[in-house]
N, C-alpha and C. Protein backbone atom coordinates (compact mmCIF):
# COMPACT_ATOMS: atom_id res chain seq x y z
N MET A 1 -6.34 29.97 10.92
CA MET A 1 -5.96 29.00 9.93
C MET A 1 -5.71 29.72 8.61
N LYS A 2 -4.58 29.44 8.00
CA LYS A 2 -4.22 30.10 6.75
C LYS A 2 -4.91 29.42 5.58
N SER A 3 -5.33 30.23 4.64
CA SER A 3 -6.01 29.72 3.45
C SER A 3 -4.99 29.09 2.51
N LYS A 4 -5.39 28.03 1.83
CA LYS A 4 -4.52 27.38 0.86
C LYS A 4 -4.77 27.91 -0.56
N LEU A 5 -5.65 28.88 -0.69
CA LEU A 5 -5.93 29.46 -1.99
C LEU A 5 -4.80 30.38 -2.40
N SER A 6 -4.48 30.40 -3.67
CA SER A 6 -3.47 31.34 -4.15
C SER A 6 -4.07 32.73 -4.23
N ASN A 7 -3.21 33.74 -4.25
CA ASN A 7 -3.69 35.12 -4.35
C ASN A 7 -4.48 35.34 -5.63
N ALA A 8 -4.14 34.64 -6.70
CA ALA A 8 -4.82 34.83 -7.98
C ALA A 8 -6.27 34.35 -7.92
N SER A 9 -6.58 33.42 -7.04
CA SER A 9 -7.93 32.88 -7.00
C SER A 9 -8.85 33.65 -6.04
N VAL A 10 -8.32 34.61 -5.31
CA VAL A 10 -9.12 35.40 -4.38
C VAL A 10 -9.67 36.61 -5.12
N ALA A 11 -10.99 36.67 -5.25
CA ALA A 11 -11.61 37.76 -5.99
C ALA A 11 -11.64 39.02 -5.16
N MET A 12 -11.19 40.10 -5.76
CA MET A 12 -11.24 41.41 -5.11
C MET A 12 -12.55 42.07 -5.54
N PRO A 13 -13.21 42.77 -4.65
CA PRO A 13 -14.42 43.48 -5.06
C PRO A 13 -14.06 44.63 -6.00
N SER A 14 -14.95 44.93 -6.90
CA SER A 14 -14.74 46.02 -7.85
C SER A 14 -14.68 47.36 -7.10
N PRO A 15 -13.84 48.28 -7.55
CA PRO A 15 -13.79 49.60 -6.92
C PRO A 15 -14.96 50.50 -7.33
N CYS A 16 -15.87 50.00 -8.16
CA CYS A 16 -17.01 50.78 -8.61
C CYS A 16 -17.88 51.19 -7.41
N ILE A 17 -18.28 52.47 -7.39
CA ILE A 17 -19.16 52.95 -6.32
C ILE A 17 -20.50 53.44 -6.89
N SER A 18 -20.80 52.99 -8.09
CA SER A 18 -22.07 53.28 -8.77
C SER A 18 -22.29 54.76 -9.06
N ILE A 19 -21.20 55.47 -9.25
CA ILE A 19 -21.25 56.84 -9.76
C ILE A 19 -20.50 56.78 -11.09
N CYS A 20 -21.19 56.29 -12.10
CA CYS A 20 -20.54 55.97 -13.37
C CYS A 20 -20.72 57.13 -14.35
N GLN A 21 -19.76 58.04 -14.31
CA GLN A 21 -19.78 59.18 -15.21
C GLN A 21 -18.33 59.47 -15.61
N MET A 22 -18.06 59.45 -16.90
CA MET A 22 -16.71 59.68 -17.37
C MET A 22 -16.41 61.16 -17.49
N ASP A 23 -15.26 61.57 -16.98
CA ASP A 23 -14.77 62.93 -17.14
C ASP A 23 -14.25 63.05 -18.57
N PRO A 24 -14.85 63.89 -19.40
CA PRO A 24 -14.44 63.95 -20.81
C PRO A 24 -13.02 64.47 -21.01
N GLN A 25 -12.51 65.25 -20.10
CA GLN A 25 -11.15 65.79 -20.24
C GLN A 25 -10.10 64.78 -19.79
N ALA A 26 -10.30 64.17 -18.65
CA ALA A 26 -9.31 63.23 -18.11
C ALA A 26 -9.57 61.80 -18.58
N ASP A 27 -10.76 61.53 -19.11
CA ASP A 27 -11.17 60.20 -19.56
C ASP A 27 -11.07 59.15 -18.45
N ILE A 28 -11.49 59.56 -17.24
CA ILE A 28 -11.57 58.63 -16.12
C ILE A 28 -12.96 58.75 -15.50
N CYS A 29 -13.40 57.69 -14.84
CA CYS A 29 -14.69 57.69 -14.17
C CYS A 29 -14.61 58.60 -12.94
N LEU A 30 -15.61 59.42 -12.76
CA LEU A 30 -15.63 60.34 -11.62
C LEU A 30 -15.97 59.63 -10.30
N GLY A 31 -16.42 58.39 -10.38
CA GLY A 31 -16.73 57.63 -9.17
C GLY A 31 -15.54 56.82 -8.68
N CYS A 32 -14.98 56.00 -9.57
CA CYS A 32 -13.92 55.08 -9.15
C CYS A 32 -12.53 55.47 -9.65
N TYR A 33 -12.45 56.46 -10.55
CA TYR A 33 -11.19 56.97 -11.08
C TYR A 33 -10.47 55.99 -12.00
N ARG A 34 -11.21 55.03 -12.56
CA ARG A 34 -10.61 54.12 -13.53
C ARG A 34 -10.84 54.62 -14.95
N THR A 35 -9.94 54.23 -15.85
CA THR A 35 -10.14 54.50 -17.27
C THR A 35 -11.10 53.44 -17.81
N ARG A 36 -11.58 53.66 -19.03
CA ARG A 36 -12.47 52.67 -19.65
C ARG A 36 -11.77 51.31 -19.77
N GLN A 37 -10.50 51.33 -20.15
CA GLN A 37 -9.73 50.09 -20.30
C GLN A 37 -9.60 49.37 -18.95
N GLU A 38 -9.34 50.10 -17.89
CA GLU A 38 -9.21 49.48 -16.56
C GLU A 38 -10.54 48.90 -16.09
N ILE A 39 -11.63 49.59 -16.40
CA ILE A 39 -12.96 49.07 -16.04
C ILE A 39 -13.21 47.76 -16.77
N ALA A 40 -12.92 47.74 -18.06
CA ALA A 40 -13.17 46.55 -18.88
C ALA A 40 -12.29 45.37 -18.49
N SER A 41 -11.08 45.63 -18.05
CA SER A 41 -10.15 44.54 -17.77
C SER A 41 -10.15 44.07 -16.31
N TRP A 42 -10.88 44.74 -15.42
CA TRP A 42 -10.85 44.40 -13.98
C TRP A 42 -11.08 42.92 -13.70
N SER A 43 -12.11 42.35 -14.30
CA SER A 43 -12.46 40.95 -13.98
C SER A 43 -11.43 39.95 -14.51
N ARG A 44 -10.58 40.37 -15.44
CA ARG A 44 -9.56 39.47 -15.97
C ARG A 44 -8.21 39.65 -15.28
N MET A 45 -8.09 40.63 -14.41
CA MET A 45 -6.83 40.88 -13.70
C MET A 45 -6.66 39.88 -12.56
N ASP A 46 -5.40 39.52 -12.28
CA ASP A 46 -5.16 38.70 -11.09
C ASP A 46 -5.18 39.62 -9.87
N ALA A 47 -5.17 39.05 -8.69
CA ALA A 47 -5.31 39.81 -7.45
C ALA A 47 -4.19 40.84 -7.28
N GLU A 48 -2.98 40.49 -7.65
CA GLU A 48 -1.85 41.42 -7.51
C GLU A 48 -2.05 42.63 -8.42
N ALA A 49 -2.46 42.41 -9.65
CA ALA A 49 -2.70 43.52 -10.58
C ALA A 49 -3.85 44.40 -10.07
N GLN A 50 -4.88 43.77 -9.50
CA GLN A 50 -5.99 44.54 -8.95
C GLN A 50 -5.52 45.41 -7.78
N ARG A 51 -4.70 44.86 -6.90
CA ARG A 51 -4.17 45.64 -5.77
C ARG A 51 -3.31 46.80 -6.26
N ASP A 52 -2.50 46.54 -7.29
CA ASP A 52 -1.68 47.60 -7.87
C ASP A 52 -2.57 48.71 -8.44
N LEU A 53 -3.63 48.32 -9.14
CA LEU A 53 -4.55 49.31 -9.70
C LEU A 53 -5.24 50.10 -8.59
N LEU A 54 -5.64 49.43 -7.51
CA LEU A 54 -6.26 50.15 -6.39
C LEU A 54 -5.32 51.21 -5.82
N ASP A 55 -4.03 50.90 -5.74
CA ASP A 55 -3.05 51.89 -5.29
C ASP A 55 -2.99 53.07 -6.26
N THR A 56 -3.01 52.77 -7.55
CA THR A 56 -3.00 53.82 -8.57
C THR A 56 -4.25 54.68 -8.47
N LEU A 57 -5.40 54.05 -8.25
CA LEU A 57 -6.66 54.78 -8.13
C LEU A 57 -6.64 55.71 -6.92
N ASN A 58 -6.05 55.25 -5.83
CA ASN A 58 -5.94 56.11 -4.64
C ASN A 58 -5.09 57.34 -4.95
N GLU A 59 -4.02 57.16 -5.73
CA GLU A 59 -3.18 58.30 -6.11
C GLU A 59 -3.94 59.25 -7.03
N ARG A 60 -4.69 58.71 -7.97
CA ARG A 60 -5.49 59.55 -8.88
C ARG A 60 -6.52 60.36 -8.10
N ARG A 61 -7.18 59.69 -7.16
CA ARG A 61 -8.20 60.36 -6.35
C ARG A 61 -7.55 61.48 -5.54
N ALA A 62 -6.40 61.22 -4.96
CA ALA A 62 -5.71 62.23 -4.15
C ALA A 62 -5.28 63.42 -5.01
N ALA A 63 -4.80 63.14 -6.22
CA ALA A 63 -4.39 64.22 -7.11
C ALA A 63 -5.58 65.09 -7.52
N LYS A 64 -6.72 64.46 -7.73
CA LYS A 64 -7.92 65.19 -8.17
C LYS A 64 -8.59 65.95 -7.02
N THR A 65 -8.66 65.33 -5.84
CA THR A 65 -9.42 65.89 -4.73
C THR A 65 -8.57 66.50 -3.62
N GLY A 66 -7.30 66.12 -3.56
CA GLY A 66 -6.44 66.59 -2.47
C GLY A 66 -6.62 65.78 -1.20
N ILE A 67 -7.45 64.75 -1.26
CA ILE A 67 -7.72 63.92 -0.08
C ILE A 67 -7.01 62.58 -0.23
N ARG A 68 -6.18 62.27 0.74
CA ARG A 68 -5.48 60.98 0.73
C ARG A 68 -6.20 60.03 1.66
N ARG A 69 -6.34 58.80 1.21
CA ARG A 69 -6.94 57.76 2.06
C ARG A 69 -5.87 57.21 2.98
N ARG A 70 -6.30 56.73 4.11
CA ARG A 70 -5.33 56.14 5.03
C ARG A 70 -4.81 54.83 4.43
N PRO A 71 -3.60 54.44 4.75
CA PRO A 71 -3.06 53.18 4.22
C PRO A 71 -3.90 51.99 4.71
N THR A 72 -4.01 50.99 3.86
CA THR A 72 -4.75 49.80 4.24
C THR A 72 -3.80 48.68 4.58
N ARG A 73 -4.35 47.63 5.16
CA ARG A 73 -3.55 46.45 5.47
C ARG A 73 -3.68 45.42 4.35
N ARG A 74 -4.27 45.79 3.25
CA ARG A 74 -4.54 44.87 2.15
C ARG A 74 -3.30 44.11 1.72
N ARG A 75 -2.17 44.76 1.56
CA ARG A 75 -0.93 44.10 1.14
C ARG A 75 -0.44 43.13 2.21
N THR A 76 -0.51 43.53 3.46
CA THR A 76 -0.05 42.69 4.55
C THR A 76 -0.89 41.44 4.67
N ILE A 77 -2.19 41.61 4.62
CA ILE A 77 -3.09 40.46 4.74
C ILE A 77 -2.91 39.51 3.57
N ALA A 78 -2.79 40.03 2.37
CA ALA A 78 -2.62 39.18 1.20
C ALA A 78 -1.29 38.41 1.27
N GLY A 79 -0.27 39.03 1.84
CA GLY A 79 1.02 38.37 1.96
C GLY A 79 1.04 37.24 2.96
N GLU A 80 0.06 37.19 3.85
CA GLU A 80 0.01 36.14 4.88
C GLU A 80 -0.59 34.86 4.36
N ARG A 81 -1.25 34.92 3.23
CA ARG A 81 -1.92 33.72 2.70
C ARG A 81 -0.96 32.73 2.15
């Protein structure tokens, strides 16, 4: 059964992994790879903006660590609603 909720009303979990330490050179969190502004604005973002930011965070993580995460079905599932 398809949900009648809009994408904006579906809360995405925070990307925080409780390793909250800012890199002084890059000014990003070493745990979730968000900037201070992105951390502060997460709860006010709609679901689409949050998904876009998660994609950006995956790219930042890959650039920093050289490790790419496997693609998720997050976009596909959200599009079915």
